[in-house]
Amino acid sequence: MGDRSLMVYFGEIIDRVVNDRVRRLFAFQHDHPIKGVMEAVPAYSSLLFLFDPVQTTSEILRQEILERVQRIDDVAISGPETVEIPVVYGGEYGPDLEWVARYHSVNVEEIIRLHTLPVYHVYMIGFTPGFAYMGELLPALVTPRKETPRTVVPRGSVGLAQEQTGIYPSESPGGWQIIGRTPLNLFNPGKMPPTLLQMGDQARFVSVSREDAEHWQM
């Protein structure tokens, strides 16, 4: 991946076993840093190593990573935290909810039921600080992205895209189908860790009324 980085791929699918291998290698690097590695960036099924070419070379780093990959099954990773996420679905907070219901030929209540039924796995944090990519959606809820992305998506918006669901932690552009909004703050740089959800956590969405969510100051 250029002259200062190496990408380690464990697969090309959204899969918890694959994602756990990414987490184990990431934990290995965090606890026992390789000389010259400036940063490691985990994703669904890959881990990017950014290195300083003054301190190491891509070939030396490649060999060290391969040796670690052979040992990652012995690396302990923390158990998941389960986070309950209140969501006000539809209306001004979920402008795409009715479209999603029409796309699946069901009513909006069924979309809400399908979205709140699973416990989701947090596969990665990316796009913007605190944006958690979660999966997988039930097959009956798999939904395409918007053909034309919005230039502004409000903070806390809950969206769908293919087999994933996620929450926009800050106002930003975005092309996911927005079905609701949570009052929770997903990213706070003044806290440690700064993100509410971590890679490997679990999340469960709960439908709440606007009145029930008011004390969170949406």
Protein backbone atom coordinates (compact mmCIF):
# COMPACT_ATOMS: atom_id res chain seq x y z
CA MET A 1 0.00 0.00 0.00
CA GLY A 2 2.59 2.53 -1.11
CA ASP A 3 6.19 2.85 0.06
CA ARG A 4 5.41 3.32 3.77
CA SER A 5 2.66 0.84 4.55
CA LEU A 6 1.71 -2.82 4.38
CA MET A 7 -1.82 -4.22 4.36
CA VAL A 8 -2.57 -7.61 5.93
CA TYR A 9 -5.71 -9.27 4.56
CA PHE A 10 -7.44 -12.11 6.43
CA GLY A 11 -10.32 -12.37 3.97
CA GLU A 12 -12.70 -10.38 1.81
CA ILE A 13 -15.98 -10.95 3.63
CA ILE A 14 -17.86 -9.55 6.63
CA ASP A 15 -17.27 -12.36 9.11
CA ARG A 16 -16.77 -12.38 12.89
CA VAL A 17 -14.06 -15.05 12.84
CA VAL A 18 -12.08 -13.04 10.29
CA ASN A 19 -12.67 -9.85 12.25
CA ASP A 20 -11.44 -11.52 15.45
CA ARG A 21 -8.16 -12.38 13.70
CA VAL A 22 -7.79 -8.72 12.78
CA ARG A 23 -8.45 -7.78 16.41
CA ARG A 24 -5.89 -10.29 17.69
CA LEU A 25 -3.12 -9.02 15.41
CA PHE A 26 -4.06 -5.44 16.31
CA ALA A 27 -3.88 -6.31 20.03
CA PHE A 28 -0.51 -8.02 19.48
CA GLN A 29 0.84 -4.85 17.88
CA HIS A 30 -0.63 -2.66 20.62
CA ASP A 31 0.91 -4.71 23.44
CA HIS A 32 4.20 -5.50 21.67
CA PRO A 33 4.91 -2.77 19.09
CA ILE A 34 7.09 -3.62 16.12
CA LYS A 35 10.02 -1.23 15.75
CA GLY A 36 9.33 1.37 13.10
CA VAL A 37 5.54 0.92 12.99
CA MET A 38 3.91 4.32 13.54
CA GLU A 39 0.28 3.21 13.41
CA ALA A 40 -1.91 0.16 12.84
CA VAL A 41 -5.39 0.70 11.39
CA PRO A 42 -7.91 -2.17 11.68
CA ALA A 43 -10.87 -2.71 9.33
CA TYR A 44 -13.44 -5.47 8.68
CA SER A 45 -10.95 -8.04 7.42
CA SER A 46 -7.61 -6.26 7.18
CA LEU A 47 -5.00 -4.42 9.21
CA LEU A 48 -2.92 -1.60 7.75
CA PHE A 49 0.60 -1.06 9.13
CA LEU A 50 2.10 2.40 8.58
CA PHE A 51 5.87 2.45 9.11
CA ASP A 52 8.86 4.77 9.19
CA PRO A 53 11.24 3.74 6.35
CA VAL A 54 14.18 5.19 8.29
CA GLN A 55 13.66 2.61 11.06
CA THR A 56 12.64 -0.45 9.05
CA THR A 57 11.93 -1.74 5.55
CA SER A 58 8.84 -3.28 4.03
CA GLU A 59 10.57 -6.66 3.71
CA ILE A 60 11.73 -6.73 7.35
CA LEU A 61 8.28 -5.65 8.51
CA ARG A 62 6.60 -8.22 6.27
CA GLN A 63 8.60 -11.05 7.87
CA GLU A 64 7.86 -9.82 11.40
CA ILE A 65 4.14 -9.59 10.65
CA LEU A 66 4.05 -13.07 9.10
CA GLU A 67 5.72 -14.50 12.19
CA ARG A 68 3.11 -12.84 14.39
CA VAL A 69 0.24 -14.07 12.25
CA GLN A 70 1.34 -17.63 13.04
CA ARG A 71 0.94 -16.86 16.76
CA ILE A 72 -2.21 -14.72 16.92
CA ASP A 73 -4.49 -17.55 18.00
CA ASP A 74 -2.75 -17.36 21.39
CA VAL A 75 -3.41 -13.62 21.73
CA ALA A 76 -6.15 -12.76 24.21
CA ILE A 77 -8.74 -10.16 23.25
CA SER A 78 -11.25 -8.58 25.59
CA GLY A 79 -14.82 -9.78 25.67
CA PRO A 80 -17.45 -7.54 24.10
CA GLU A 81 -19.27 -4.77 25.93
CA THR A 82 -22.98 -4.63 25.07
CA VAL A 83 -24.31 -1.12 24.56
CA GLU A 84 -28.03 -0.32 24.36
CA ILE A 85 -28.75 2.46 21.89
CA PRO A 86 -32.08 4.34 22.08
CA VAL A 87 -33.41 5.46 18.70
CA VAL A 88 -36.27 7.71 17.66
CA TYR A 89 -37.36 6.18 14.35
CA GLY A 90 -38.97 7.97 11.42
CA GLY A 91 -40.27 11.50 10.92
CA GLU A 92 -37.69 14.26 10.82
CA TYR A 93 -35.19 11.94 12.53
CA GLY A 94 -35.59 9.10 10.02
CA PRO A 95 -36.32 10.67 6.62
CA ASP A 96 -35.64 7.42 4.70
CA LEU A 97 -37.66 5.07 6.89
CA GLU A 98 -40.74 5.12 4.67
CA TRP A 99 -38.62 4.63 1.53
CA VAL A 100 -36.94 1.61 3.12
CA ALA A 101 -40.37 0.19 4.03
CA ARG A 102 -41.60 0.61 0.43
CA TYR A 103 -38.39 -0.95 -0.91
CA HIS A 104 -39.04 -4.07 1.17
CA SER A 105 -42.83 -3.98 0.64
CA VAL A 106 -43.57 -3.85 4.38
CA ASN A 107 -44.80 -1.20 6.82
CA VAL A 108 -42.50 1.02 8.87
CA GLU A 109 -43.28 -0.91 12.05
CA GLU A 110 -41.80 -4.03 10.48
CA ILE A 111 -38.61 -2.17 9.52
CA ILE A 112 -38.25 -0.96 13.11
CA ARG A 113 -38.88 -4.48 14.41
CA LEU A 114 -36.28 -5.98 12.07
CA HIS A 115 -33.72 -3.32 12.97
CA THR A 116 -34.16 -3.70 16.74
CA LEU A 117 -34.25 -7.51 16.72
CA PRO A 118 -30.53 -8.47 16.38
CA VAL A 119 -27.58 -7.78 18.62
CA TYR A 120 -25.01 -6.25 16.28
CA HIS A 121 -21.26 -6.77 16.20
CA VAL A 122 -19.05 -3.67 15.92
CA TYR A 123 -16.65 -4.63 13.16
CA MET A 124 -14.65 -1.42 12.88
CA ILE A 125 -14.49 2.30 13.63
CA GLY A 126 -13.86 4.53 10.63
CA PHE A 127 -15.05 7.16 8.13
CA THR A 128 -15.27 9.81 10.88
CA PRO A 129 -14.12 9.54 14.54
CA GLY A 130 -16.51 7.26 16.38
CA PHE A 131 -18.43 5.95 13.34
CA ALA A 132 -19.12 2.29 14.15
CA TYR A 133 -19.70 -0.13 11.28
CA MET A 134 -22.05 -2.81 12.63
CA GLY A 135 -23.50 -5.98 11.21
CA GLU A 136 -25.01 -7.92 10.00
CA LEU A 137 -28.50 -6.79 9.09
CA LEU A 138 -31.13 -9.49 8.81
CA PRO A 139 -31.50 -10.56 5.13
CA ALA A 140 -34.99 -9.00 5.03
CA LEU A 141 -33.47 -5.60 5.85
CA VAL A 142 -30.46 -5.53 3.50
CA THR A 143 -30.83 -2.16 1.74
CA PRO A 144 -28.80 -0.31 -0.92
CA ARG A 145 -27.16 3.02 -0.26
CA LYS A 146 -28.75 6.19 -1.56
CA GLU A 147 -28.09 6.87 -5.23
CA THR A 148 -27.18 10.47 -4.36
CA PRO A 149 -25.51 11.03 -0.96
CA ARG A 150 -26.69 13.85 1.28
CA THR A 151 -24.32 16.75 1.80
CA VAL A 152 -25.35 16.97 5.47
CA VAL A 153 -26.39 14.12 7.79
CA PRO A 154 -27.15 15.21 11.39
CA ARG A 155 -25.19 13.90 14.36
CA GLY A 156 -26.69 10.73 15.82
CA SER A 157 -28.38 9.62 12.59
CA VAL A 158 -28.84 5.85 12.34
CA GLY A 159 -28.47 4.45 8.84
CA LEU A 160 -28.51 1.32 6.68
CA ALA A 161 -26.19 0.41 3.81
CA GLN A 162 -26.13 -3.06 2.27
CA GLU A 163 -25.62 -5.53 5.15
CA GLN A 164 -24.48 -2.86 7.61
CA THR A 165 -25.97 -0.42 10.06
CA GLY A 166 -24.19 2.51 11.64
CA ILE A 167 -24.49 5.81 13.49
CA TYR A 168 -23.13 9.16 12.36
CA PRO A 169 -21.22 10.50 15.40
CA SER A 170 -21.00 14.02 13.97
CA GLU A 171 -22.63 16.05 11.23
CA SER A 172 -21.16 15.01 7.89
CA PRO A 173 -22.01 14.06 4.31
CA GLY A 174 -23.31 10.52 3.88
CA GLY A 175 -25.04 8.10 1.56
CA TRP A 176 -26.69 5.67 3.99
CA GLN A 177 -30.47 5.33 4.32
CA ILE A 178 -31.35 7.26 7.49
CA ILE A 179 -34.12 5.59 9.49
CA GLY A 180 -33.76 7.22 12.90
CA ARG A 181 -31.60 9.17 15.32
CA THR A 182 -30.06 8.46 18.70
CA PRO A 183 -29.45 11.11 21.37
CA LEU A 184 -26.28 9.34 22.53
CA ASN A 185 -22.93 11.02 21.96
CA LEU A 186 -20.77 8.55 20.00
CA PHE A 187 -17.57 10.60 20.12
CA ASN A 188 -16.14 12.73 22.93
CA PRO A 189 -12.46 13.69 22.55
CA GLY A 190 -12.37 14.64 26.23
CA LYS A 191 -12.94 11.04 27.33
CA MET A 192 -10.73 7.97 27.20
CA PRO A 193 -11.56 6.09 25.14
CA PRO A 194 -13.16 8.88 23.10
CA THR A 195 -15.60 6.59 21.27
CA LEU A 196 -18.70 5.10 22.89
CA LEU A 197 -18.41 1.92 20.81
CA GLN A 198 -15.20 -0.03 20.33
CA MET A 199 -14.23 -2.59 17.73
CA GLY A 200 -15.49 -5.96 19.00
CA ASP A 201 -18.34 -4.52 21.08
CA GLN A 202 -21.98 -5.45 20.65
CA ALA A 203 -24.87 -3.03 20.20
CA ARG A 204 -28.62 -3.35 20.48
CA PHE A 205 -31.03 -0.70 19.18
CA VAL A 206 -34.13 0.15 21.19
CA SER A 207 -37.06 2.14 19.80
CA VAL A 208 -38.01 5.10 22.01
CA SER A 209 -40.38 8.03 21.65
CA ARG A 210 -39.21 11.57 21.16
CA GLU A 211 -40.50 12.40 24.63
CA ASP A 212 -38.51 9.55 26.21
CA ALA A 213 -35.36 10.80 24.50
CA GLU A 214 -35.74 14.46 25.50
CA HIS A 215 -33.60 14.19 28.63
CA TRP A 216 -30.66 13.32 26.36
CA GLN A 217 -31.15 16.68 24.60
CA MET A 218 -31.38 15.54 20.98
